[in-house]
Amino acid sequence: MRPLVFGVLGLVLAAPSFAEKAPFADVHLHYNWDQEEVTTPQEAIDRLKANNVVLGVVSGTPSERALKLRKAGGKWIVPFFSPYIHHRGRADWFTDPKVVDRAREALDSGRFFGIGEAHFIAGVGPSFHNEVVQGLLDLAREYDVPFLIHTESSSHEYFEPVCRQNPEIRFQWAHAGARLGPEEVGSLMEACPNVWTELSARDPGRYGYFADADGSLDQSWIELFNRFPDRFMTGADPVWPPGSLYRWDVADTGWDRVGQFLDFHRNWLDQLPSELARKIRLENPKRFYAYVLDTPAGNLRAD
């Protein structure tokens, strides 16, 4: 196990050399307007390559930012359409009917391969019955693409009705429900076979409630991975500092920490049986994204 040190500014890990880093599929990346201020598309791609990322799923605010990473990196970068169609879109996307029209145009273009990330906060909103939300769910169903959903609630029951009522939509559940534990996550995955769960941003510097400060996993998480070995994935989610959303005076420097975030995941994956770890790190994302990778539009990075 590689040692970890956590401080007030984030996490620092003893990183292995490139030769030691097994191929990694990162299913949760962002390239936003406030990240481009400090990290060019080529710099972002170089950092992914330095960490042996062979598949990267990225959403951008606005969505055109994700296309810049694909242009710089190639077909192993899989852009999603973000419903946040302007730089403050996360605050009002569900009130703007143009979002659904833009999403259809994006999917029609053949340049985007999913929808999201879309945030839903219990007690804050938006409602799952919202017309824009329903319009995006309809498009995910029509175009047969995944919906990257971020939910925050004290219970899995917040999200469960949505995945139950839309069994034909493949959901990528960001951050395993943010702060939910293995019992809640397991209940949701049992109820909804169409949900694949990813563990980005569950490091102690952000959502936490996953691995201990020394990187150790609770046995209940290991049991959950063994229960659903084919439906877990993970990624870096390079957003930093936490809580800096829409601050005009602070750029998002998350891409400077991609290696640290990924090494956190490599550390806990090292505690699992090698076959299970490889599934979460690489094979499950390859299957989930086979609808792209098995066409001329996509491939794993081979260089």
C-alpha atoms as a PDB file:
ATOM      1  CA  MET A   1       0.000   0.000   0.000  1.00  0.00           C
ATOM      2  CA  ARG A   2       1.341   3.449  -0.881  1.00  0.00           C
ATOM      3  CA  PRO A   3       1.482   5.956   1.977  1.00  0.00           C
ATOM      4  CA  LEU A   4      -0.897   8.918   2.032  1.00  0.00           C
ATOM      5  CA  VAL A   5      -0.695  12.257   3.781  1.00  0.00           C
ATOM      6  CA  PHE A   6      -3.709  14.566   4.004  1.00  0.00           C
ATOM      7  CA  GLY A   7      -3.508  18.232   4.825  1.00  0.00           C
ATOM      8  CA  VAL A   8      -5.708  21.296   4.729  1.00  0.00           C
ATOM      9  CA  LEU A   9      -4.866  21.874   1.071  1.00  0.00           C
ATOM     10  CA  GLY A  10      -5.722  18.374  -0.077  1.00  0.00           C
ATOM     11  CA  LEU A  11      -3.996  15.061  -0.399  1.00  0.00           C
ATOM     12  CA  VAL A  12      -0.424  14.209  -1.279  1.00  0.00           C
ATOM     13  CA  LEU A  13       0.562  10.685  -2.170  1.00  0.00           C
ATOM     14  CA  ALA A  14       3.828   8.936  -2.833  1.00  0.00           C
ATOM     15  CA  ALA A  15       3.281   8.536  -6.551  1.00  0.00           C
ATOM     16  CA  PRO A  16       4.654   5.517  -8.419  1.00  0.00           C
ATOM     17  CA  SER A  17       6.626   5.903 -11.602  1.00  0.00           C
ATOM     18  CA  PHE A  18       4.808   5.841 -14.921  1.00  0.00           C
ATOM     19  CA  ALA A  19       6.062   2.308 -15.536  1.00  0.00           C
ATOM     20  CA  GLU A  20       4.246   1.117 -12.382  1.00  0.00           C
ATOM     21  CA  LYS A  21       0.925   2.717 -13.258  1.00  0.00           C
ATOM     22  CA  ALA A  22      -1.520   0.258 -14.731  1.00  0.00           C
ATOM     23  CA  PRO A  23      -3.903   1.532 -17.442  1.00  0.00           C
ATOM     24  CA  PHE A  24      -6.754   3.533 -15.951  1.00  0.00           C
ATOM     25  CA  ALA A  25     -10.162   4.514 -17.340  1.00  0.00           C
ATOM     26  CA  ASP A  26     -11.219   7.826 -15.810  1.00  0.00           C
ATOM     27  CA  VAL A  27     -14.987   8.164 -16.104  1.00  0.00           C
ATOM     28  CA  HIS A  28     -15.348  11.554 -14.406  1.00  0.00           C
ATOM     29  CA  LEU A  29     -13.412  14.489 -15.814  1.00  0.00           C
ATOM     30  CA  HIS A  30     -14.280  18.145 -16.294  1.00  0.00           C
ATOM     31  CA  TYR A  31     -12.808  20.840 -18.478  1.00  0.00           C
ATOM     32  CA  ASN A  32     -14.559  24.091 -17.607  1.00  0.00           C
ATOM     33  CA  TRP A  33     -14.144  27.741 -18.496  1.00  0.00           C
ATOM     34  CA  ASP A  34     -12.393  28.487 -15.193  1.00  0.00           C
ATOM     35  CA  GLN A  35     -10.002  25.575 -15.683  1.00  0.00           C
ATOM     36  CA  GLU A  36      -8.930  26.628 -19.159  1.00  0.00           C
ATOM     37  CA  GLU A  37      -7.699  29.872 -17.600  1.00  0.00           C
ATOM     38  CA  VAL A  38      -4.831  27.963 -15.951  1.00  0.00           C
ATOM     39  CA  THR A  39      -4.601  24.634 -17.850  1.00  0.00           C
ATOM     40  CA  THR A  40      -4.502  24.347 -21.637  1.00  0.00           C
ATOM     41  CA  PRO A  41      -6.154  21.387 -23.368  1.00  0.00           C
ATOM     42  CA  GLN A  42      -2.751  19.933 -24.241  1.00  0.00           C
ATOM     43  CA  GLU A  43      -1.557  20.269 -20.633  1.00  0.00           C
ATOM     44  CA  ALA A  44      -4.654  18.414 -19.462  1.00  0.00           C
ATOM     45  CA  ILE A  45      -4.056  15.627 -21.976  1.00  0.00           C
ATOM     46  CA  ASP A  46      -0.391  15.387 -20.997  1.00  0.00           C
ATOM     47  CA  ARG A  47      -1.365  14.927 -17.346  1.00  0.00           C
ATOM     48  CA  LEU A  48      -3.761  12.146 -18.240  1.00  0.00           C
ATOM     49  CA  LYS A  49      -1.082  10.415 -20.291  1.00  0.00           C
ATOM     50  CA  ALA A  50       1.431  10.805 -17.466  1.00  0.00           C
ATOM     51  CA  ASN A  51      -0.970   8.842 -15.281  1.00  0.00           C
ATOM     52  CA  ASN A  52      -1.585   6.193 -17.956  1.00  0.00           C
ATOM     53  CA  VAL A  53      -5.219   7.135 -18.434  1.00  0.00           C
ATOM     54  CA  VAL A  54      -6.372   5.288 -21.552  1.00  0.00           C
ATOM     55  CA  LEU A  55     -10.029   6.379 -21.516  1.00  0.00           C
ATOM     56  CA  GLY A  56     -11.304   9.750 -20.317  1.00  0.00           C
ATOM     57  CA  VAL A  57     -14.953  10.772 -20.049  1.00  0.00           C
ATOM     58  CA  VAL A  58     -15.270  14.551 -19.857  1.00  0.00           C
ATOM     59  CA  SER A  59     -17.981  17.154 -19.501  1.00  0.00           C
ATOM     60  CA  GLY A  60     -17.347  20.851 -19.929  1.00  0.00           C
ATOM     61  CA  THR A  61     -19.005  24.094 -18.955  1.00  0.00           C
ATOM     62  CA  PRO A  62     -19.938  24.981 -21.577  1.00  0.00           C
ATOM     63  CA  SER A  63     -19.871  21.708 -23.495  1.00  0.00           C
ATOM     64  CA  GLU A  64     -17.556  22.963 -26.222  1.00  0.00           C
ATOM     65  CA  ARG A  65     -14.700  22.839 -23.693  1.00  0.00           C
ATOM     66  CA  ALA A  66     -14.946  19.038 -23.677  1.00  0.00           C
ATOM     67  CA  LEU A  67     -14.490  18.999 -27.452  1.00  0.00           C
ATOM     68  CA  LYS A  68     -11.202  20.847 -27.001  1.00  0.00           C
ATOM     69  CA  LEU A  69      -9.843  17.931 -24.954  1.00  0.00           C
ATOM     70  CA  ARG A  70     -10.951  15.428 -27.602  1.00  0.00           C
ATOM     71  CA  LYS A  71      -9.261  17.486 -30.311  1.00  0.00           C
ATOM     72  CA  ALA A  72      -6.039  17.582 -28.287  1.00  0.00           C
ATOM     73  CA  GLY A  73      -6.147  13.953 -27.169  1.00  0.00           C
ATOM     74  CA  GLY A  74      -8.019  11.870 -29.704  1.00  0.00           C
ATOM     75  CA  LYS A  75     -10.805   9.299 -29.693  1.00  0.00           C
ATOM     76  CA  TRP A  76      -9.991   7.994 -26.206  1.00  0.00           C
ATOM     77  CA  ILE A  77     -11.554  11.216 -24.889  1.00  0.00           C
ATOM     78  CA  VAL A  78     -15.346  10.816 -24.700  1.00  0.00           C
ATOM     79  CA  PRO A  79     -17.208  14.164 -24.466  1.00  0.00           C
ATOM     80  CA  PHE A  80     -20.583  14.476 -22.747  1.00  0.00           C
ATOM     81  CA  PHE A  81     -23.105  17.213 -23.340  1.00  0.00           C
ATOM     82  CA  SER A  82     -23.393  19.357 -20.227  1.00  0.00           C
ATOM     83  CA  PRO A  83     -26.780  20.934 -19.484  1.00  0.00           C
ATOM     84  CA  TYR A  84     -24.847  23.915 -18.108  1.00  0.00           C
ATOM     85  CA  ILE A  85     -24.852  25.856 -21.352  1.00  0.00           C
ATOM     86  CA  HIS A  86     -23.228  29.008 -19.988  1.00  0.00           C
ATOM     87  CA  HIS A  87     -20.640  29.645 -17.298  1.00  0.00           C
ATOM     88  CA  ARG A  88     -23.234  29.918 -14.519  1.00  0.00           C
ATOM     89  CA  GLY A  89     -25.514  27.281 -15.984  1.00  0.00           C
ATOM     90  CA  ARG A  90     -25.415  25.023 -12.963  1.00  0.00           C
ATOM     91  CA  ALA A  91     -27.629  27.527 -11.148  1.00  0.00           C
ATOM     92  CA  ASP A  92     -30.438  27.773 -13.703  1.00  0.00           C
ATOM     93  CA  TRP A  93     -30.164  24.992 -16.310  1.00  0.00           C
ATOM     94  CA  PHE A  94     -33.476  23.424 -15.289  1.00  0.00           C
ATOM     95  CA  THR A  95     -35.343  26.701 -15.962  1.00  0.00           C
ATOM     96  CA  ASP A  96     -34.096  27.085 -19.533  1.00  0.00           C
ATOM     97  CA  PRO A  97     -35.985  25.111 -22.226  1.00  0.00           C
ATOM     98  CA  LYS A  98     -33.129  25.832 -24.651  1.00  0.00           C
ATOM     99  CA  VAL A  99     -31.105  23.213 -22.754  1.00  0.00           C
ATOM    100  CA  VAL A 100     -33.138  20.368 -24.241  1.00  0.00           C
ATOM    101  CA  ASP A 101     -32.848  21.814 -27.756  1.00  0.00           C
ATOM    102  CA  ARG A 102     -29.092  22.232 -27.350  1.00  0.00           C
ATOM    103  CA  ALA A 103     -28.797  18.675 -26.058  1.00  0.00           C
ATOM    104  CA  ARG A 104     -30.593  17.295 -29.103  1.00  0.00           C
ATOM    105  CA  GLU A 105     -28.362  19.312 -31.421  1.00  0.00           C
ATOM    106  CA  ALA A 106     -25.277  18.046 -29.602  1.00  0.00           C
ATOM    107  CA  LEU A 107     -26.303  14.394 -29.788  1.00  0.00           C
ATOM    108  CA  ASP A 108     -27.358  14.787 -33.420  1.00  0.00           C
ATOM    109  CA  SER A 109     -23.908  16.164 -34.220  1.00  0.00           C
ATOM    110  CA  GLY A 110     -22.241  12.862 -33.320  1.00  0.00           C
ATOM    111  CA  ARG A 111     -19.636  14.706 -31.255  1.00  0.00           C
ATOM    112  CA  PHE A 112     -21.156  14.000 -27.834  1.00  0.00           C
ATOM    113  CA  PHE A 113     -21.771  10.554 -26.354  1.00  0.00           C
ATOM    114  CA  GLY A 114     -23.769  11.141 -23.170  1.00  0.00           C
ATOM    115  CA  ILE A 115     -25.559  13.703 -21.022  1.00  0.00           C
ATOM    116  CA  GLY A 116     -24.291  15.208 -17.777  1.00  0.00           C
ATOM    117  CA  GLU A 117     -23.066  15.841 -15.250  1.00  0.00           C
ATOM    118  CA  ALA A 118     -26.396  17.043 -13.837  1.00  0.00           C
ATOM    119  CA  HIS A 119     -26.668  17.909 -10.135  1.00  0.00           C
ATOM    120  CA  PHE A 120     -29.706  17.170  -7.955  1.00  0.00           C
ATOM    121  CA  ILE A 121     -29.645  18.249  -4.308  1.00  0.00           C
ATOM    122  CA  ALA A 122     -32.388  17.087  -1.945  1.00  0.00           C
ATOM    123  CA  GLY A 123     -34.337  20.050  -0.574  1.00  0.00           C
ATOM    124  CA  VAL A 124     -32.767  22.371  -3.149  1.00  0.00           C
ATOM    125  CA  GLY A 125     -33.643  20.876  -6.493  1.00  0.00           C
ATOM    126  CA  PRO A 126     -34.323  20.643  -9.259  1.00  0.00           C
ATOM    127  CA  SER A 127     -37.343  18.373  -9.086  1.00  0.00           C
ATOM    128  CA  PHE A 128     -37.071  15.178 -11.084  1.00  0.00           C
ATOM    129  CA  HIS A 129     -40.491  16.095 -12.508  1.00  0.00           C
ATOM    130  CA  ASN A 130     -39.102  19.302 -14.000  1.00  0.00           C
ATOM    131  CA  GLU A 131     -39.798  19.594 -17.755  1.00  0.00           C
ATOM    132  CA  VAL A 132     -36.163  20.179 -18.675  1.00  0.00           C
ATOM    133  CA  VAL A 133     -35.057  17.205 -16.591  1.00  0.00           C
ATOM    134  CA  GLN A 134     -37.690  15.013 -18.194  1.00  0.00           C
ATOM    135  CA  GLY A 135     -36.649  16.282 -21.614  1.00  0.00           C
ATOM    136  CA  LEU A 136     -33.041  15.235 -21.006  1.00  0.00           C
ATOM    137  CA  LEU A 137     -34.095  11.836 -19.723  1.00  0.00           C
ATOM    138  CA  ASP A 138     -36.174  11.391 -22.869  1.00  0.00           C
ATOM    139  CA  LEU A 139     -33.138  12.223 -25.004  1.00  0.00           C
ATOM    140  CA  ALA A 140     -30.940   9.739 -23.121  1.00  0.00           C
ATOM    141  CA  ARG A 141     -33.569   7.120 -23.870  1.00  0.00           C
ATOM    142  CA  GLU A 142     -34.011   8.151 -27.509  1.00  0.00           C
ATOM    143  CA  TYR A 143     -30.307   8.290 -28.330  1.00  0.00           C
ATOM    144  CA  ASP A 144     -29.400   5.374 -26.054  1.00  0.00           C
ATOM    145  CA  VAL A 145     -26.655   7.266 -24.237  1.00  0.00           C
ATOM    146  CA  PRO A 146     -25.794   7.327 -20.525  1.00  0.00           C
ATOM    147  CA  PHE A 147     -26.975   9.992 -18.110  1.00  0.00           C
ATOM    148  CA  LEU A 148     -24.301  11.128 -15.641  1.00  0.00           C
ATOM    149  CA  ILE A 149     -26.252  12.022 -12.516  1.00  0.00           C
ATOM    150  CA  HIS A 150     -25.029  13.619  -9.301  1.00  0.00           C
ATOM    151  CA  THR A 151     -27.362  13.272  -6.318  1.00  0.00           C
ATOM    152  CA  GLU A 152     -26.885  14.502  -2.769  1.00  0.00           C
ATOM    153  CA  SER A 153     -29.261  13.305  -0.094  1.00  0.00           C
ATOM    154  CA  SER A 154     -29.252  11.512   3.235  1.00  0.00           C
ATOM    155  CA  SER A 155     -30.834   8.469   1.575  1.00  0.00           C
ATOM    156  CA  HIS A 156     -30.655   6.475  -1.624  1.00  0.00           C
ATOM    157  CA  GLU A 157     -34.437   6.731  -1.745  1.00  0.00           C
ATOM    158  CA  TYR A 158     -34.061  10.221  -3.246  1.00  0.00           C
ATOM    159  CA  PHE A 159     -32.682   8.766  -6.496  1.00  0.00           C
ATOM    160  CA  GLU A 160     -34.339   5.351  -6.487  1.00  0.00           C
ATOM    161  CA  PRO A 161     -37.712   6.356  -8.031  1.00  0.00           C
ATOM    162  CA  VAL A 162     -35.924   7.905 -11.006  1.00  0.00           C
ATOM    163  CA  CYS A 163     -33.818   4.885 -11.899  1.00  0.00           C
ATOM    164  CA  ARG A 164     -36.763   2.545 -11.272  1.00  0.00           C
ATOM    165  CA  GLN A 165     -39.057   4.549 -13.544  1.00  0.00           C
ATOM    166  CA  ASN A 166     -36.449   4.708 -16.321  1.00  0.00           C
ATOM    167  CA  PRO A 167     -35.073   1.161 -16.526  1.00  0.00           C
ATOM    168  CA  GLU A 168     -33.964   1.563 -20.143  1.00  0.00           C
ATOM    169  CA  ILE A 169     -31.638   4.488 -19.303  1.00  0.00           C
ATOM    170  CA  ARG A 170     -28.090   3.697 -18.216  1.00  0.00           C
ATOM    171  CA  PHE A 171     -27.188   5.924 -15.280  1.00  0.00           C
ATOM    172  CA  GLN A 172     -23.653   6.676 -14.197  1.00  0.00           C
ATOM    173  CA  TRP A 173     -24.079   7.596 -10.531  1.00  0.00           C
ATOM    174  CA  ALA A 174     -21.441  10.170  -9.627  1.00  0.00           C
ATOM    175  CA  HIS A 175     -19.519   9.842  -6.360  1.00  0.00           C
ATOM    176  CA  ALA A 176     -21.689   6.928  -5.166  1.00  0.00           C
ATOM    177  CA  GLY A 177     -24.233   9.438  -3.925  1.00  0.00           C
ATOM    178  CA  ALA A 178     -21.615  11.818  -2.501  1.00  0.00           C
ATOM    179  CA  ARG A 179     -21.751  10.897   1.201  1.00  0.00           C
ATOM    180  CA  LEU A 180     -23.758   7.692   1.232  1.00  0.00           C
ATOM    181  CA  GLY A 181     -22.307   4.595   2.813  1.00  0.00           C
ATOM    182  CA  PRO A 182     -22.079   1.078   1.401  1.00  0.00           C
ATOM    183  CA  GLU A 183     -25.444  -0.050   2.786  1.00  0.00           C
ATOM    184  CA  GLU A 184     -27.318   2.786   1.045  1.00  0.00           C
ATOM    185  CA  VAL A 185     -25.313   2.400  -2.156  1.00  0.00           C
ATOM    186  CA  GLY A 186     -25.940  -1.337  -2.191  1.00  0.00           C
ATOM    187  CA  SER A 187     -29.676  -0.867  -1.714  1.00  0.00           C
ATOM    188  CA  LEU A 188     -29.848   1.496  -4.686  1.00  0.00           C
ATOM    189  CA  MET A 189     -27.811  -0.806  -6.918  1.00  0.00           C
ATOM    190  CA  GLU A 190     -29.984  -3.760  -5.944  1.00  0.00           C
ATOM    191  CA  ALA A 191     -33.134  -1.805  -6.799  1.00  0.00           C
ATOM    192  CA  CYS A 192     -31.790  -0.436 -10.110  1.00  0.00           C
ATOM    193  CA  PRO A 193     -29.674  -2.751 -12.278  1.00  0.00           C
ATOM    194  CA  ASN A 194     -29.385   0.115 -14.778  1.00  0.00           C
ATOM    195  CA  VAL A 195     -27.197   2.135 -12.370  1.00  0.00           C
ATOM    196  CA  TRP A 196     -23.414   1.902 -12.517  1.00  0.00           C
ATOM    197  CA  THR A 197     -21.703   3.575  -9.593  1.00  0.00           C
ATOM    198  CA  GLU A 198     -18.464   5.537  -9.666  1.00  0.00           C
ATOM    199  CA  LEU A 199     -16.342   6.731  -6.770  1.00  0.00           C
ATOM    200  CA  SER A 200     -14.750   9.942  -8.011  1.00  0.00           C
ATOM    201  CA  ALA A 201     -14.233  12.666  -5.393  1.00  0.00           C
ATOM    202  CA  ARG A 202     -14.672  10.293  -2.447  1.00  0.00           C
ATOM    203  CA  ASP A 203     -11.169  11.179  -1.248  1.00  0.00           C
ATOM    204  CA  PRO A 204     -10.856  12.714   2.254  1.00  0.00           C
ATOM    205  CA  GLY A 205     -10.250  16.186   0.808  1.00  0.00           C
ATOM    206  CA  ARG A 206     -13.727  16.247  -0.751  1.00  0.00           C
ATOM    207  CA  TYR A 207     -16.779  14.026  -0.076  1.00  0.00           C
ATOM    208  CA  GLY A 208     -14.898  11.440   1.973  1.00  0.00           C
ATOM    209  CA  TYR A 209     -16.877   8.798   3.897  1.00  0.00           C
ATOM    210  CA  PHE A 210     -15.061   6.111   1.955  1.00  0.00           C
ATOM    211  CA  ALA A 211     -11.408   5.282   2.668  1.00  0.00           C
ATOM    212  CA  ASP A 212      -9.690   6.205   5.936  1.00  0.00           C
ATOM    213  CA  ALA A 213      -6.977   8.841   6.055  1.00  0.00           C
ATOM    214  CA  ASP A 214      -4.372   6.089   5.577  1.00  0.00           C
ATOM    215  CA  GLY A 215      -6.261   4.813   2.543  1.00  0.00           C
ATOM    216  CA  SER A 216      -7.734   1.754   4.237  1.00  0.00           C
ATOM    217  CA  LEU A 217     -11.118   0.513   3.099  1.00  0.00           C
ATOM    218  CA  ASP A 218     -13.802  -0.628   5.498  1.00  0.00           C
ATOM    219  CA  GLN A 219     -14.711  -4.277   5.001  1.00  0.00           C
ATOM    220  CA  SER A 220     -18.288  -3.272   4.171  1.00  0.00           C
ATOM    221  CA  TRP A 221     -17.109  -1.476   1.025  1.00  0.00           C
ATOM    222  CA  ILE A 222     -15.047  -4.484  -0.029  1.00  0.00           C
ATOM    223  CA  GLU A 223     -18.089  -6.708   0.444  1.00  0.00           C
ATOM    224  CA  LEU A 224     -20.130  -4.321  -1.710  1.00  0.00           C
ATOM    225  CA  PHE A 225     -17.548  -4.409  -4.512  1.00  0.00           C
ATOM    226  CA  ASN A 226     -17.661  -8.191  -4.431  1.00  0.00           C
ATOM    227  CA  ARG A 227     -21.457  -8.089  -4.503  1.00  0.00           C
ATOM    228  CA  PHE A 228     -21.521  -5.925  -7.653  1.00  0.00           C
ATOM    229  CA  PRO A 229     -18.100  -6.517  -9.214  1.00  0.00           C
ATOM    230  CA  ASP A 230     -19.201  -5.492 -12.723  1.00  0.00           C
ATOM    231  CA  ARG A 231     -20.890  -2.149 -11.943  1.00  0.00           C
ATOM    232  CA  PHE A 232     -18.292   0.002 -10.189  1.00  0.00           C
ATOM    233  CA  MET A 233     -15.973   2.528 -11.859  1.00  0.00           C
ATOM    234  CA  THR A 234     -14.004   5.559 -10.723  1.00  0.00           C
ATOM    235  CA  GLY A 235     -12.247   8.746 -11.799  1.00  0.00           C
ATOM    236  CA  ALA A 236     -10.408  11.873 -10.725  1.00  0.00           C
ATOM    237  CA  ASP A 237     -13.082  14.604 -10.950  1.00  0.00           C
ATOM    238  CA  PRO A 238     -10.386  17.314 -11.196  1.00  0.00           C
ATOM    239  CA  VAL A 239     -12.151  20.189  -9.439  1.00  0.00           C
ATOM    240  CA  TRP A 240     -10.202  22.218  -6.845  1.00  0.00           C
ATOM    241  CA  PRO A 241     -10.518  23.856  -4.405  1.00  0.00           C
ATOM    242  CA  PRO A 242     -13.762  22.366  -3.085  1.00  0.00           C
ATOM    243  CA  GLY A 243     -16.536  24.896  -2.809  1.00  0.00           C
ATOM    244  CA  SER A 244     -14.970  27.306  -5.296  1.00  0.00           C
ATOM    245  CA  LEU A 245     -17.799  27.037  -7.800  1.00  0.00           C
ATOM    246  CA  TYR A 246     -18.292  30.267  -9.774  1.00  0.00           C
ATOM    247  CA  ARG A 247     -15.789  32.310  -7.807  1.00  0.00           C
ATOM    248  CA  TRP A 248     -14.635  34.941 -10.256  1.00  0.00           C
ATOM    249  CA  ASP A 249     -11.396  35.567  -8.351  1.00  0.00           C
ATOM    250  CA  VAL A 250     -10.138  31.970  -8.067  1.00  0.00           C
ATOM    251  CA  ALA A 251      -9.418  29.704 -11.034  1.00  0.00           C
ATOM    252  CA  ASP A 252     -10.105  25.985 -10.763  1.00  0.00           C
ATOM    253  CA  THR A 253      -6.714  24.276 -10.426  1.00  0.00           C
ATOM    254  CA  GLY A 254      -8.054  20.739 -10.286  1.00  0.00           C
ATOM    255  CA  TRP A 255      -5.957  19.582 -13.233  1.00  0.00           C
ATOM    256  CA  ASP A 256      -2.831  20.226 -11.167  1.00  0.00           C
ATOM    257  CA  ARG A 257      -4.037  17.445  -8.845  1.00  0.00           C
ATOM    258  CA  VAL A 258      -5.112  14.791 -11.317  1.00  0.00           C
ATOM    259  CA  GLY A 259      -2.201  12.558 -10.381  1.00  0.00           C
ATOM    260  CA  GLN A 260      -2.921  12.895  -6.676  1.00  0.00           C
ATOM    261  CA  PHE A 261      -6.590  12.065  -7.117  1.00  0.00           C
ATOM    262  CA  LEU A 262      -5.841   9.030  -9.278  1.00  0.00           C
ATOM    263  CA  ASP A 263      -3.159   7.778  -6.912  1.00  0.00           C
ATOM    264  CA  PHE A 264      -5.732   7.885  -4.112  1.00  0.00           C
ATOM    265  CA  HIS A 265      -7.876   5.509  -6.157  1.00  0.00           C
ATOM    266  CA  ARG A 266      -4.948   3.318  -7.111  1.00  0.00           C
ATOM    267  CA  ASN A 267      -4.134   3.013  -3.409  1.00  0.00           C
ATOM    268  CA  TRP A 268      -7.505   1.628  -2.337  1.00  0.00           C
ATOM    269  CA  LEU A 269      -7.761  -0.499  -5.464  1.00  0.00           C
ATOM    270  CA  ASP A 270      -4.479  -2.127  -4.439  1.00  0.00           C
ATOM    271  CA  GLN A 271      -6.300  -3.525  -1.399  1.00  0.00           C
ATOM    272  CA  LEU A 272      -8.686  -5.547  -3.570  1.00  0.00           C
ATOM    273  CA  PRO A 273      -8.037  -8.827  -5.361  1.00  0.00           C
ATOM    274  CA  SER A 274      -6.246  -8.013  -8.598  1.00  0.00           C
ATOM    275  CA  GLU A 275      -9.067  -9.197 -10.864  1.00  0.00           C
ATOM    276  CA  LEU A 276     -11.656  -7.111  -9.021  1.00  0.00           C
ATOM    277  CA  ALA A 277      -9.373  -4.072  -8.983  1.00  0.00           C
ATOM    278  CA  ARG A 278      -8.801  -4.367 -12.737  1.00  0.00           C
ATOM    279  CA  LYS A 279     -12.546  -4.511 -13.344  1.00  0.00           C
ATOM    280  CA  ILE A 280     -13.152  -1.267 -11.460  1.00  0.00           C
ATOM    281  CA  ARG A 281     -10.084   0.476 -12.858  1.00  0.00           C
ATOM    282  CA  LEU A 282     -10.483  -0.539 -16.508  1.00  0.00           C
ATOM    283  CA  GLU A 283     -12.745  -3.387 -17.594  1.00  0.00           C
ATOM    284  CA  ASN A 284     -16.086  -2.098 -16.274  1.00  0.00           C
ATOM    285  CA  PRO A 285     -15.660   1.301 -17.960  1.00  0.00           C
ATOM    286  CA  LYS A 286     -14.711  -0.455 -21.193  1.00  0.00           C
ATOM    287  CA  ARG A 287     -17.985  -2.372 -21.086  1.00  0.00           C
ATOM    288  CA  PHE A 288     -20.078   0.623 -20.008  1.00  0.00           C
ATOM    289  CA  TYR A 289     -18.617   2.714 -22.834  1.00  0.00           C
ATOM    290  CA  ALA A 290     -18.505  -0.081 -25.418  1.00  0.00           C
ATOM    291  CA  TYR A 291     -21.172   1.780 -27.421  1.00  0.00           C
ATOM    292  CA  VAL A 292     -18.418   4.311 -28.216  1.00  0.00           C
ATOM    293  CA  LEU A 293     -15.283   2.161 -28.053  1.00  0.00           C
ATOM    294  CA  ASP A 294     -16.689  -0.477 -30.411  1.00  0.00           C
ATOM    295  CA  THR A 295     -17.279   2.085 -33.173  1.00  0.00           C
ATOM    296  CA  PRO A 296     -14.960   4.240 -35.299  1.00  0.00           C
ATOM    297  CA  ALA A 297     -15.806   7.158 -32.953  1.00  0.00           C
ATOM    298  CA  GLY A 298     -13.790   5.821 -30.044  1.00  0.00           C
ATOM    299  CA  ASN A 299     -10.836   3.772 -28.872  1.00  0.00           C
ATOM    300  CA  LEU A 300      -8.563   3.251 -25.900  1.00  0.00           C
ATOM    301  CA  ARG A 301      -5.329   5.208 -25.953  1.00  0.00           C
ATOM    302  CA  ALA A 302      -2.586   2.930 -27.224  1.00  0.00           C
ATOM    303  CA  ASP A 303       0.512   5.163 -27.272  1.00  0.00           C
END
